[in-house]
Amino acid sequence: MTTYAVEYSYGPADLQTLHRPAHREYLAKLHEEGNLHAAGAYPDGEPFGALLIFVADNKEHLDALIAADPMSTGGVLTGYKVREWNAVIGKVGQ
């Protein structure tokens, strides 16, 4: 399993609000399954976005997890940036 830091970019706030409940439900499920360590929006909203720490078998698996996110299926996700991440100190997403 590989850990990935993923930055989401979001579209309009009204679409975010519409899809946020299903998005959070989906992320909670991924967390329970061990595919998500932590997730949270940037509070400054400049531009709209979030940081998510995923754990996936490979990049294809990660892409599938992101594609199934209600923010993605709902057309809110305008893009995302992926970097493999190696945490060496600390604990993320308790």
PDB file of N, CA and C in Angstrom:
ATOM      1  N   MET A   1       0.844  -1.181   0.000  1.00  0.00           N
ATOM      2  CA  MET A   1       0.000   0.000   0.000  1.00  0.00           C
ATOM      3  C   MET A   1       0.888   1.243   0.000  1.00  0.00           C
ATOM      4  N   THR A   2       0.451   2.233  -0.746  1.00  0.00           N
ATOM      5  CA  THR A   2       1.186   3.482  -0.882  1.00  0.00           C
ATOM      6  C   THR A   2       0.341   4.618  -0.324  1.00  0.00           C
ATOM      7  N   THR A   3       0.994   5.569   0.319  1.00  0.00           N
ATOM      8  CA  THR A   3       0.306   6.747   0.849  1.00  0.00           C
ATOM      9  C   THR A   3       0.470   7.890  -0.139  1.00  0.00           C
ATOM     10  N   TYR A   4      -0.628   8.606  -0.373  1.00  0.00           N
ATOM     11  CA  TYR A   4      -0.649   9.717  -1.320  1.00  0.00           C
ATOM     12  C   TYR A   4      -1.232  10.961  -0.661  1.00  0.00           C
ATOM     13  N   ALA A   5      -0.575  12.086  -0.876  1.00  0.00           N
ATOM     14  CA  ALA A   5      -1.144  13.387  -0.520  1.00  0.00           C
ATOM     15  C   ALA A   5      -1.835  13.908  -1.778  1.00  0.00           C
ATOM     16  N   VAL A   6      -3.111  14.214  -1.648  1.00  0.00           N
ATOM     17  CA  VAL A   6      -3.903  14.643  -2.795  1.00  0.00           C
ATOM     18  C   VAL A   6      -4.532  15.998  -2.484  1.00  0.00           C
ATOM     19  N   GLU A   7      -4.323  16.943  -3.372  1.00  0.00           N
ATOM     20  CA  GLU A   7      -4.960  18.249  -3.250  1.00  0.00           C
ATOM     21  C   GLU A   7      -6.112  18.325  -4.236  1.00  0.00           C
ATOM     22  N   TYR A   8      -7.309  18.506  -3.692  1.00  0.00           N
ATOM     23  CA  TYR A   8      -8.500  18.692  -4.514  1.00  0.00           C
ATOM     24  C   TYR A   8      -8.668  20.177  -4.825  1.00  0.00           C
ATOM     25  N   SER A   9      -9.174  20.483  -6.002  1.00  0.00           N
ATOM     26  CA  SER A   9      -9.631  21.828  -6.369  1.00  0.00           C
ATOM     27  C   SER A   9     -11.128  21.721  -6.635  1.00  0.00           C
ATOM     28  N   TYR A  10     -11.896  22.623  -6.027  1.00  0.00           N
ATOM     29  CA  TYR A  10     -13.353  22.580  -6.130  1.00  0.00           C
ATOM     30  C   TYR A  10     -13.910  23.728  -6.949  1.00  0.00           C
ATOM     31  N   GLY A  11     -15.078  23.475  -7.525  1.00  0.00           N
ATOM     32  CA  GLY A  11     -15.833  24.489  -8.243  1.00  0.00           C
ATOM     33  C   GLY A  11     -16.693  25.312  -7.291  1.00  0.00           C
ATOM     34  N   PRO A  12     -17.795  25.840  -7.783  1.00  0.00           N
ATOM     35  CA  PRO A  12     -18.626  26.789  -7.040  1.00  0.00           C
ATOM     36  C   PRO A  12     -19.110  26.281  -5.677  1.00  0.00           C
ATOM     37  N   ALA A  13     -19.200  27.214  -4.740  1.00  0.00           N
ATOM     38  CA  ALA A  13     -19.599  26.895  -3.362  1.00  0.00           C
ATOM     39  C   ALA A  13     -20.976  26.248  -3.295  1.00  0.00           C
ATOM     40  N   ASP A  14     -21.921  26.673  -4.154  1.00  0.00           N
ATOM     41  CA  ASP A  14     -23.264  26.094  -4.094  1.00  0.00           C
ATOM     42  C   ASP A  14     -23.246  24.613  -4.467  1.00  0.00           C
ATOM     43  N   LEU A  15     -22.410  24.226  -5.419  1.00  0.00           N
ATOM     44  CA  LEU A  15     -22.286  22.803  -5.770  1.00  0.00           C
ATOM     45  C   LEU A  15     -21.589  22.027  -4.655  1.00  0.00           C
ATOM     46  N   GLN A  16     -20.622  22.638  -4.015  1.00  0.00           N
ATOM     47  CA  GLN A  16     -19.958  21.988  -2.886  1.00  0.00           C
ATOM     48  C   GLN A  16     -20.973  21.686  -1.790  1.00  0.00           C
ATOM     49  N   THR A  17     -21.788  22.664  -1.468  1.00  0.00           N
ATOM     50  CA  THR A  17     -22.803  22.505  -0.425  1.00  0.00           C
ATOM     51  C   THR A  17     -23.766  21.378  -0.772  1.00  0.00           C
ATOM     52  N   LEU A  18     -24.158  21.301  -2.016  1.00  0.00           N
ATOM     53  CA  LEU A  18     -25.094  20.279  -2.472  1.00  0.00           C
ATOM     54  C   LEU A  18     -24.526  18.868  -2.292  1.00  0.00           C
ATOM     55  N   HIS A  19     -23.254  18.689  -2.601  1.00  0.00           N
ATOM     56  CA  HIS A  19     -22.657  17.352  -2.597  1.00  0.00           C
ATOM     57  C   HIS A  19     -21.859  17.024  -1.329  1.00  0.00           C
ATOM     58  N   ARG A  20     -21.684  18.000  -0.431  1.00  0.00           N
ATOM     59  CA  ARG A  20     -20.859  17.786   0.760  1.00  0.00           C
ATOM     60  C   ARG A  20     -21.334  16.620   1.647  1.00  0.00           C
ATOM     61  N   PRO A  21     -22.633  16.471   1.946  1.00  0.00           N
ATOM     62  CA  PRO A  21     -23.037  15.356   2.809  1.00  0.00           C
ATOM     63  C   PRO A  21     -22.643  13.981   2.245  1.00  0.00           C
ATOM     64  N   ALA A  22     -22.888  13.743   0.968  1.00  0.00           N
ATOM     65  CA  ALA A  22     -22.531  12.455   0.363  1.00  0.00           C
ATOM     66  C   ALA A  22     -21.015  12.295   0.295  1.00  0.00           C
ATOM     67  N   HIS A  23     -20.309  13.384   0.028  1.00  0.00           N
ATOM     68  CA  HIS A  23     -18.843  13.380  -0.005  1.00  0.00           C
ATOM     69  C   HIS A  23     -18.284  12.959   1.349  1.00  0.00           C
ATOM     70  N   ARG A  24     -18.786  13.549   2.405  1.00  0.00           N
ATOM     71  CA  ARG A  24     -18.291  13.219   3.752  1.00  0.00           C
ATOM     72  C   ARG A  24     -18.643  11.789   4.141  1.00  0.00           C
ATOM     73  N   GLU A  25     -19.807  11.339   3.746  1.00  0.00           N
ATOM     74  CA  GLU A  25     -20.182   9.937   3.982  1.00  0.00           C
ATOM     75  C   GLU A  25     -19.209   8.996   3.273  1.00  0.00           C
ATOM     76  N   TYR A  26     -18.909   9.309   2.037  1.00  0.00           N
ATOM     77  CA  TYR A  26     -17.984   8.497   1.243  1.00  0.00           C
ATOM     78  C   TYR A  26     -16.597   8.483   1.883  1.00  0.00           C
ATOM     79  N   LEU A  27     -16.106   9.653   2.293  1.00  0.00           N
ATOM     80  CA  LEU A  27     -14.792   9.714   2.921  1.00  0.00           C
ATOM     81  C   LEU A  27     -14.765   8.956   4.245  1.00  0.00           C
ATOM     82  N   ALA A  28     -15.848   9.025   5.017  1.00  0.00           N
ATOM     83  CA  ALA A  28     -15.925   8.274   6.274  1.00  0.00           C
ATOM     84  C   ALA A  28     -15.833   6.775   6.004  1.00  0.00           C
ATOM     85  N   LYS A  29     -16.489   6.317   4.940  1.00  0.00           N
ATOM     86  CA  LYS A  29     -16.413   4.904   4.548  1.00  0.00           C
ATOM     87  C   LYS A  29     -14.983   4.528   4.174  1.00  0.00           C
ATOM     88  N   LEU A  30     -14.322   5.370   3.387  1.00  0.00           N
ATOM     89  CA  LEU A  30     -12.932   5.097   3.021  1.00  0.00           C
ATOM     90  C   LEU A  30     -12.027   5.066   4.249  1.00  0.00           C
ATOM     91  N   HIS A  31     -12.293   5.941   5.203  1.00  0.00           N
ATOM     92  CA  HIS A  31     -11.508   5.961   6.438  1.00  0.00           C
ATOM     93  C   HIS A  31     -11.696   4.649   7.202  1.00  0.00           C
ATOM     94  N   GLU A  32     -12.924   4.214   7.334  1.00  0.00           N
ATOM     95  CA  GLU A  32     -13.217   2.941   8.021  1.00  0.00           C
ATOM     96  C   GLU A  32     -12.530   1.773   7.330  1.00  0.00           C
ATOM     97  N   GLU A  33     -12.460   1.799   6.015  1.00  0.00           N
ATOM     98  CA  GLU A  33     -11.852   0.719   5.236  1.00  0.00           C
ATOM     99  C   GLU A  33     -10.325   0.802   5.198  1.00  0.00           C
ATOM    100  N   GLY A  34      -9.765   1.908   5.693  1.00  0.00           N
ATOM    101  CA  GLY A  34      -8.321   2.059   5.718  1.00  0.00           C
ATOM    102  C   GLY A  34      -7.714   2.709   4.492  1.00  0.00           C
ATOM    103  N   ASN A  35      -8.559   3.249   3.606  1.00  0.00           N
ATOM    104  CA  ASN A  35      -8.047   3.896   2.397  1.00  0.00           C
ATOM    105  C   ASN A  35      -7.896   5.410   2.524  1.00  0.00           C
ATOM    106  N   LEU A  36      -8.242   5.958   3.682  1.00  0.00           N
ATOM    107  CA  LEU A  36      -8.106   7.393   3.894  1.00  0.00           C
ATOM    108  C   LEU A  36      -7.636   7.636   5.323  1.00  0.00           C
ATOM    109  N   HIS A  37      -6.516   8.335   5.460  1.00  0.00           N
ATOM    110  CA  HIS A  37      -6.006   8.675   6.794  1.00  0.00           C
ATOM    111  C   HIS A  37      -6.629   9.956   7.321  1.00  0.00           C
ATOM    112  N   ALA A  38      -6.747  10.963   6.470  1.00  0.00           N
ATOM    113  CA  ALA A  38      -7.255  12.270   6.901  1.00  0.00           C
ATOM    114  C   ALA A  38      -7.737  13.049   5.694  1.00  0.00           C
ATOM    115  N   ALA A  39      -8.646  13.993   5.947  1.00  0.00           N
ATOM    116  CA  ALA A  39      -9.145  14.864   4.888  1.00  0.00           C
ATOM    117  C   ALA A  39      -9.671  16.139   5.522  1.00  0.00           C
ATOM    118  N   GLY A  40      -9.468  17.232   4.820  1.00  0.00           N
ATOM    119  CA  GLY A  40     -10.014  18.486   5.304  1.00  0.00           C
ATOM    120  C   GLY A  40      -9.840  19.595   4.292  1.00  0.00           C
ATOM    121  N   ALA A  41     -10.805  20.513   4.321  1.00  0.00           N
ATOM    122  CA  ALA A  41     -10.792  21.652   3.400  1.00  0.00           C
ATOM    123  C   ALA A  41      -9.828  22.726   3.899  1.00  0.00           C
ATOM    124  N   TYR A  42      -9.304  23.497   2.959  1.00  0.00           N
ATOM    125  CA  TYR A  42      -8.518  24.672   3.313  1.00  0.00           C
ATOM    126  C   TYR A  42      -9.496  25.757   3.765  1.00  0.00           C
ATOM    127  N   PRO A  43      -9.328  26.294   4.969  1.00  0.00           N
ATOM    128  CA  PRO A  43     -10.325  27.228   5.497  1.00  0.00           C
ATOM    129  C   PRO A  43     -10.338  28.605   4.830  1.00  0.00           C
ATOM    130  N   ASP A  44      -9.260  28.981   4.139  1.00  0.00           N
ATOM    131  CA  ASP A  44      -9.234  30.317   3.549  1.00  0.00           C
ATOM    132  C   ASP A  44     -10.048  30.408   2.259  1.00  0.00           C
ATOM    133  N   GLY A  45     -10.327  29.270   1.629  1.00  0.00           N
ATOM    134  CA  GLY A  45     -11.155  29.254   0.429  1.00  0.00           C
ATOM    135  C   GLY A  45     -10.565  29.987  -0.760  1.00  0.00           C
ATOM    136  N   GLU A  46      -9.271  30.137  -0.795  1.00  0.00           N
ATOM    137  CA  GLU A  46      -8.603  30.892  -1.873  1.00  0.00           C
ATOM    138  C   GLU A  46      -7.599  30.054  -2.631  1.00  0.00           C
ATOM    139  N   PRO A  47      -7.877  29.334  -3.639  1.00  0.00           N
ATOM    140  CA  PRO A  47      -9.211  28.983  -4.128  1.00  0.00           C
ATOM    141  C   PRO A  47      -9.778  27.831  -3.301  1.00  0.00           C
ATOM    142  N   PHE A  48     -11.001  27.419  -3.623  1.00  0.00           N
ATOM    143  CA  PHE A  48     -11.623  26.310  -2.916  1.00  0.00           C
ATOM    144  C   PHE A  48     -10.798  25.048  -3.106  1.00  0.00           C
ATOM    145  N   GLY A  49     -10.508  24.353  -2.002  1.00  0.00           N
ATOM    146  CA  GLY A  49      -9.734  23.130  -2.123  1.00  0.00           C
ATOM    147  C   GLY A  49      -9.628  22.389  -0.814  1.00  0.00           C
ATOM    148  N   ALA A  50      -8.970  21.226  -0.865  1.00  0.00           N
ATOM    149  CA  ALA A  50      -8.816  20.379   0.310  1.00  0.00           C
ATOM    150  C   ALA A  50      -7.578  19.517   0.155  1.00  0.00           C
ATOM    151  N   LEU A  51      -7.092  19.020   1.285  1.00  0.00           N
ATOM    152  CA  LEU A  51      -5.988  18.067   1.308  1.00  0.00           C
ATOM    153  C   LEU A  51      -6.516  16.749   1.851  1.00  0.00           C
ATOM    154  N   LEU A  52      -6.219  15.666   1.143  1.00  0.00           N
ATOM    155  CA  LEU A  52      -6.641  14.335   1.557  1.00  0.00           C
ATOM    156  C   LEU A  52      -5.424  13.422   1.549  1.00  0.00           C
ATOM    157  N   ILE A  53      -5.302  12.584   2.572  1.00  0.00           N
ATOM    158  CA  ILE A  53      -4.210  11.623   2.663  1.00  0.00           C
ATOM    159  C   ILE A  53      -4.808  10.229   2.452  1.00  0.00           C
ATOM    160  N   PHE A  54      -4.594   9.689   1.263  1.00  0.00           N
ATOM    161  CA  PHE A  54      -5.129   8.393   0.875  1.00  0.00           C
ATOM    162  C   PHE A  54      -4.082   7.295   1.032  1.00  0.00           C
ATOM    163  N   VAL A  55      -4.566   6.065   1.170  1.00  0.00           N
ATOM    164  CA  VAL A  55      -3.727   4.866   1.104  1.00  0.00           C
ATOM    165  C   VAL A  55      -4.366   3.967   0.048  1.00  0.00           C
ATOM    166  N   ALA A  56      -3.573   3.600  -0.955  1.00  0.00           N
ATOM    167  CA  ALA A  56      -4.112   2.812  -2.063  1.00  0.00           C
ATOM    168  C   ALA A  56      -3.069   1.814  -2.548  1.00  0.00           C
ATOM    169  N   ASP A  57      -3.531   0.797  -3.253  1.00  0.00           N
ATOM    170  CA  ASP A  57      -2.639  -0.229  -3.790  1.00  0.00           C
ATOM    171  C   ASP A  57      -1.649   0.353  -4.792  1.00  0.00           C
ATOM    172  N   ASN A  58      -2.140   1.305  -5.604  1.00  0.00           N
ATOM    173  CA  ASN A  58      -1.322   1.918  -6.651  1.00  0.00           C
ATOM    174  C   ASN A  58      -2.063   3.150  -7.156  1.00  0.00           C
ATOM    175  N   LYS A  59      -1.484   3.831  -8.135  1.00  0.00           N
ATOM    176  CA  LYS A  59      -2.085   5.065  -8.651  1.00  0.00           C
ATOM    177  C   LYS A  59      -3.441   4.806  -9.308  1.00  0.00           C
ATOM    178  N   GLU A  60      -3.590   3.677  -9.980  1.00  0.00           N
ATOM    179  CA  GLU A  60      -4.873   3.347 -10.622  1.00  0.00           C
ATOM    180  C   GLU A  60      -5.969   3.175  -9.570  1.00  0.00           C
ATOM    181  N   HIS A  61      -5.627   2.516  -8.476  1.00  0.00           N
ATOM    182  CA  HIS A  61      -6.579   2.336  -7.379  1.00  0.00           C
ATOM    183  C   HIS A  61      -6.964   3.694  -6.807  1.00  0.00           C
ATOM    184  N   LEU A  62      -5.966   4.553  -6.591  1.00  0.00           N
ATOM    185  CA  LEU A  62      -6.222   5.903  -6.083  1.00  0.00           C
ATOM    186  C   LEU A  62      -7.153   6.659  -7.028  1.00  0.00           C
ATOM    187  N   ASP A  63      -6.858   6.629  -8.313  1.00  0.00           N
ATOM    188  CA  ASP A  63      -7.695   7.322  -9.287  1.00  0.00           C
ATOM    189  C   ASP A  63      -9.139   6.823  -9.238  1.00  0.00           C
ATOM    190  N   ALA A  64      -9.322   5.526  -9.027  1.00  0.00           N
ATOM    191  CA  ALA A  64     -10.676   4.960  -8.928  1.00  0.00           C
ATOM    192  C   ALA A  64     -11.387   5.463  -7.671  1.00  0.00           C
ATOM    193  N   LEU A  65     -10.659   5.560  -6.552  1.00  0.00           N
ATOM    194  CA  LEU A  65     -11.254   6.082  -5.314  1.00  0.00           C
ATOM    195  C   LEU A  65     -11.703   7.524  -5.513  1.00  0.00           C
ATOM    196  N   ILE A  66     -10.874   8.316  -6.161  1.00  0.00           N
ATOM    197  CA  ILE A  66     -11.208   9.722  -6.397  1.00  0.00           C
ATOM    198  C   ILE A  66     -12.375   9.839  -7.373  1.00  0.00           C
ATOM    199  N   ALA A  67     -12.378   9.024  -8.413  1.00  0.00           N
ATOM    200  CA  ALA A  67     -13.454   9.065  -9.409  1.00  0.00           C
ATOM    201  C   ALA A  67     -14.816   8.744  -8.804  1.00  0.00           C
ATOM    202  N   ALA A  68     -14.833   7.929  -7.750  1.00  0.00           N
ATOM    203  CA  ALA A  68     -16.093   7.538  -7.110  1.00  0.00           C
ATOM    204  C   ALA A  68     -16.562   8.542  -6.051  1.00  0.00           C
ATOM    205  N   ASP A  69     -15.754   9.518  -5.729  1.00  0.00           N
ATOM    206  CA  ASP A  69     -16.107  10.535  -4.737  1.00  0.00           C
ATOM    207  C   ASP A  69     -17.282  11.359  -5.266  1.00  0.00           C
ATOM    208  N   PRO A  70     -18.326  11.569  -4.460  1.00  0.00           N
ATOM    209  CA  PRO A  70     -19.457  12.380  -4.909  1.00  0.00           C
ATOM    210  C   PRO A  70     -19.078  13.793  -5.373  1.00  0.00           C
ATOM    211  N   MET A  71     -17.983  14.337  -4.873  1.00  0.00           N
ATOM    212  CA  MET A  71     -17.537  15.633  -5.387  1.00  0.00           C
ATOM    213  C   MET A  71     -17.063  15.493  -6.832  1.00  0.00           C
ATOM    214  N   SER A  72     -16.557  14.327  -7.167  1.00  0.00           N
ATOM    215  CA  SER A  72     -16.129  14.062  -8.542  1.00  0.00           C
ATOM    216  C   SER A  72     -17.324  13.721  -9.430  1.00  0.00           C
ATOM    217  N   THR A  73     -18.135  12.781  -8.999  1.00  0.00           N
ATOM    218  CA  THR A  73     -19.295  12.375  -9.803  1.00  0.00           C
ATOM    219  C   THR A  73     -20.305  13.509  -9.943  1.00  0.00           C
ATOM    220  N   GLY A  74     -20.324  14.423  -8.979  1.00  0.00           N
ATOM    221  CA  GLY A  74     -21.248  15.550  -9.019  1.00  0.00           C
ATOM    222  C   GLY A  74     -20.728  16.751  -9.783  1.00  0.00           C
ATOM    223  N   GLY A  75     -19.528  16.637 -10.348  1.00  0.00           N
ATOM    224  CA  GLY A  75     -18.984  17.715 -11.147  1.00  0.00           C
ATOM    225  C   GLY A  75     -18.394  18.869 -10.357  1.00  0.00           C
ATOM    226  N   VAL A  76     -18.152  18.671  -9.064  1.00  0.00           N
ATOM    227  CA  VAL A  76     -17.605  19.733  -8.223  1.00  0.00           C
ATOM    228  C   VAL A  76     -16.084  19.744  -8.270  1.00  0.00           C
ATOM    229  N   LEU A  77     -15.494  18.577  -8.381  1.00  0.00           N
ATOM    230  CA  LEU A  77     -14.037  18.462  -8.420  1.00  0.00           C
ATOM    231  C   LEU A  77     -13.541  18.959  -9.780  1.00  0.00           C
ATOM    232  N   THR A  78     -12.780  20.050  -9.760  1.00  0.00           N
ATOM    233  CA  THR A  78     -12.290  20.621 -11.013  1.00  0.00           C
ATOM    234  C   THR A  78     -10.893  20.129 -11.352  1.00  0.00           C
ATOM    235  N   GLY A  79     -10.247  19.468 -10.409  1.00  0.00           N
ATOM    236  CA  GLY A  79      -8.926  18.914 -10.632  1.00  0.00           C
ATOM    237  C   GLY A  79      -8.338  18.405  -9.335  1.00  0.00           C
ATOM    238  N   TYR A  80      -7.258  17.638  -9.467  1.00  0.00           N
ATOM    239  CA  TYR A  80      -6.550  17.197  -8.273  1.00  0.00           C
ATOM    240  C   TYR A  80      -5.091  16.947  -8.609  1.00  0.00           C
ATOM    241  N   LYS A  81      -4.262  17.142  -7.598  1.00  0.00           N
ATOM    242  CA  LYS A  81      -2.821  16.953  -7.731  1.00  0.00           C
ATOM    243  C   LYS A  81      -2.420  15.850  -6.764  1.00  0.00           C
ATOM    244  N   VAL A  82      -1.664  14.881  -7.257  1.00  0.00           N
ATOM    245  CA  VAL A  82      -1.269  13.714  -6.468  1.00  0.00           C
ATOM    246  C   VAL A  82       0.240  13.694  -6.277  1.00  0.00           C
ATOM    247  N   ARG A  83       0.644  13.428  -5.046  1.00  0.00           N
ATOM    248  CA  ARG A  83       2.061  13.188  -4.758  1.00  0.00           C
ATOM    249  C   ARG A  83       2.152  12.003  -3.806  1.00  0.00           C
ATOM    250  N   GLU A  84       3.028  11.074  -4.121  1.00  0.00           N
ATOM    251  CA  GLU A  84       3.298   9.989  -3.188  1.00  0.00           C
ATOM    252  C   GLU A  84       3.904  10.626  -1.941  1.00  0.00           C
ATOM    253  N   TRP A  85       3.515  10.119  -0.757  1.00  0.00           N
ATOM    254  CA  TRP A  85       3.906  10.763   0.487  1.00  0.00           C
ATOM    255  C   TRP A  85       4.444   9.726   1.458  1.00  0.00           C
ATOM    256  N   ASN A  86       5.539  10.060   2.100  1.00  0.00           N
ATOM    257  CA  ASN A  86       6.168   9.176   3.074  1.00  0.00           C
ATOM    258  C   ASN A  86       6.236   9.887   4.421  1.00  0.00           C
ATOM    259  N   ALA A  87       5.256   9.652   5.267  1.00  0.00           N
ATOM    260  CA  ALA A  87       5.249  10.256   6.600  1.00  0.00           C
ATOM    261  C   ALA A  87       6.296   9.541   7.462  1.00  0.00           C
ATOM    262  N   VAL A  88       7.186  10.305   8.069  1.00  0.00           N
ATOM    263  CA  VAL A  88       8.230   9.694   8.895  1.00  0.00           C
ATOM    264  C   VAL A  88       8.087  10.044  10.375  1.00  0.00           C
ATOM    265  N   ILE A  89       7.343  11.094  10.687  1.00  0.00           N
ATOM    266  CA  ILE A  89       7.131  11.479  12.079  1.00  0.00           C
ATOM    267  C   ILE A  89       5.669  11.890  12.226  1.00  0.00           C
ATOM    268  N   GLY A  90       5.071  11.476  13.324  1.00  0.00           N
ATOM    269  CA  GLY A  90       3.722  11.912  13.640  1.00  0.00           C
ATOM    270  C   GLY A  90       2.660  10.916  13.238  1.00  0.00           C
ATOM    271  N   LYS A  91       1.436  11.296  13.584  1.00  0.00           N
ATOM    272  CA  LYS A  91       0.283  10.457  13.308  1.00  0.00           C
ATOM    273  C   LYS A  91      -0.791  11.322  12.659  1.00  0.00           C
ATOM    274  N   VAL A  92      -1.324  10.859  11.563  1.00  0.00           N
ATOM    275  CA  VAL A  92      -2.329  11.617  10.820  1.00  0.00           C
ATOM    276  C   VAL A  92      -3.628  10.863  10.843  1.00  0.00           C
ATOM    277  N   GLY A  93      -4.724  11.570  11.090  1.00  0.00           N
ATOM    278  CA  GLY A  93      -6.051  10.965  11.002  1.00  0.00           C
ATOM    279  C   GLY A  93      -6.296   9.873  12.014  1.00  0.00           C
ATOM    280  N   GLN A  94      -6.560  10.255  13.215  1.00  0.00           N
ATOM    281  CA  GLN A  94      -6.729   9.291  14.310  1.00  0.00           C
ATOM    282  C   GLN A  94      -8.026   8.608  14.320  1.00  0.00           C
TER     283      GLN A  94
END
